[in-house]
Amino acid sequence: MPAPTIDAPAPRSIDAQARAIIDELDDVDARQWGQPGGVDLASDRRVAALIALGEPAVPALIDALERDERLTRSVHFWRDFSRHRSVLGAHEAAYAALAAILQQDFFRVASTGDDLSGRGPAGREELARRVRAYWTRMGSIPLHQRALATLADDSASLDEWVDAAQNIVSTRRPDGSVGPMAGEPLRAQRAPSVSELLARRIERALVTRGRPPEVFVDYAPRIAASRLTAALQEWEPRSSLLRVVTERWLATQTDEVSANCLGALLDARDAAGDAGAIDEYARWIAGISPEQARGAMRALLALAVRRASDARIVRATNVVLSERGWLSDTHDSNWSEELFAATEALPAMRAFVQRRLREQREIGVLSVQQAQFELRYQDGGLFVSGTTTPAPPQGRWPWRACDEIARMLVPPGAERDQLFGPVAQRDAVITRLLARRAARR
């Protein structure tokens, strides 16, 4: 094989450089290192070299996306136990460079095993048509103006609005350098302003409905709304529109996506000096349900942790973490050792932990066999791990709420290993843990 063009002296024009490097895309050999997951083609040195050339390389890359039928040396798979493998095409490597240069994603995977190469010639040609149309329409204007035009386009998709918003607030350039927000020149934009456009798109996303709930819960519109909300927070953290957006989220909250977004939004508003945010937060956390909090505990409690000494926070957390409060009844799988450490400053959380360490309620079964223990929870959850030496007694015992909390509070080591054994052995560990926590107070 001749010496690689990528290492040879650069031709005169960037277009010629791009076409020379494109000739080598069949040698792209980026690998998939996880499952599920994709192949990061942009990390390959040939694709990275094309990205470094920037927008002058776009026409040659669109041609490759449209016409190149070669294969790379990169392989994508769903799971290693599945027999299917997808050898990625050179056109997909060209698309990875295009998406990075244009900072626009024109192709969305439908599942963890999906990729552009699997869509066949028709999928490639349709994608090339859309990229070419975008470049013809937008190629002559700066990136921040393209993002503004997309954000102002009522016919654009939620994904396109999200990409545009993230391009406006992005501080990272295609070459990896960091600077001011790309949209800084848009600060003078009025009627509508960038903030007004973002608020408008958040409103649209929150009223967009997916498939019927009884068929499939479509979180995509709400995830888009949360990303647009994050962009608005970054763009104008003291915007009065954030209060309007908060009200809209509160009116439509249904799930953990809402809880994650509202927790971050109210925390950011309070940090930016919005005097009303903490009162809104205190009312909000008292009214949501354990189902809405599932998977959102860290964001839900972020403001409470940061303002733990505020009287309003103390009152609110005393309510939701009391023996009758909904948060104290949230399933144990929502808690973690990191979350307990983060919330230690809350008096109500310290009291909650002390109560839970005395709670004998059975939540599952512990089985120890040979060198492994298995925790099988009543709700169907399963946790399996190896054990350290010396091996614990073999057997099968009830697993209680107090054991689960202790597992999260005792540091890894010999004492935590003692929790995976008979009940009397676990009680001794919990007694010592209670004594240490009482002494810290």
Foldseek 3Di string as FASTA:
>chain_A
DDDQLVPPPADDDLCVNLLSLLVVLQAQEFEDDDALAFGLLCPGPSLVSLLVSADVNVVVLLVCLQDFAHFHNYWHAHDPVDPDIQGHRSNQSSVSSVCLRLLADQDDAPDSRGDQSVVPNVSSNVSSVVSVVLCVVPVVDDSLVSLVVQLPDPPHDLRSVLSSLCQQQAQAHSNGDGHGGPNVVQCPPPPPGPLVSLLVSLLVLLPDADPDVVVPHDCVSLLSSLSSLVSSCSVCVQDPVLVVSLVSLLVRQDALSSLQSNLQSLQSNVVVPNPCSLVVLLVVVQPDALRRCQPRVCSNCVNCLVPVPDPSSLVSLLQQLPPPHRVLVRDLVSDALVSLVSNVSHPSSLVSLLVQLPFFAFFFKWFFDDQKIWTQGPVGDIDIDGADPPGEDGDMDTDGSSLSSLLRHDDDDDLSSQSRYDPVSVVVSSVVVSVVSVVVD
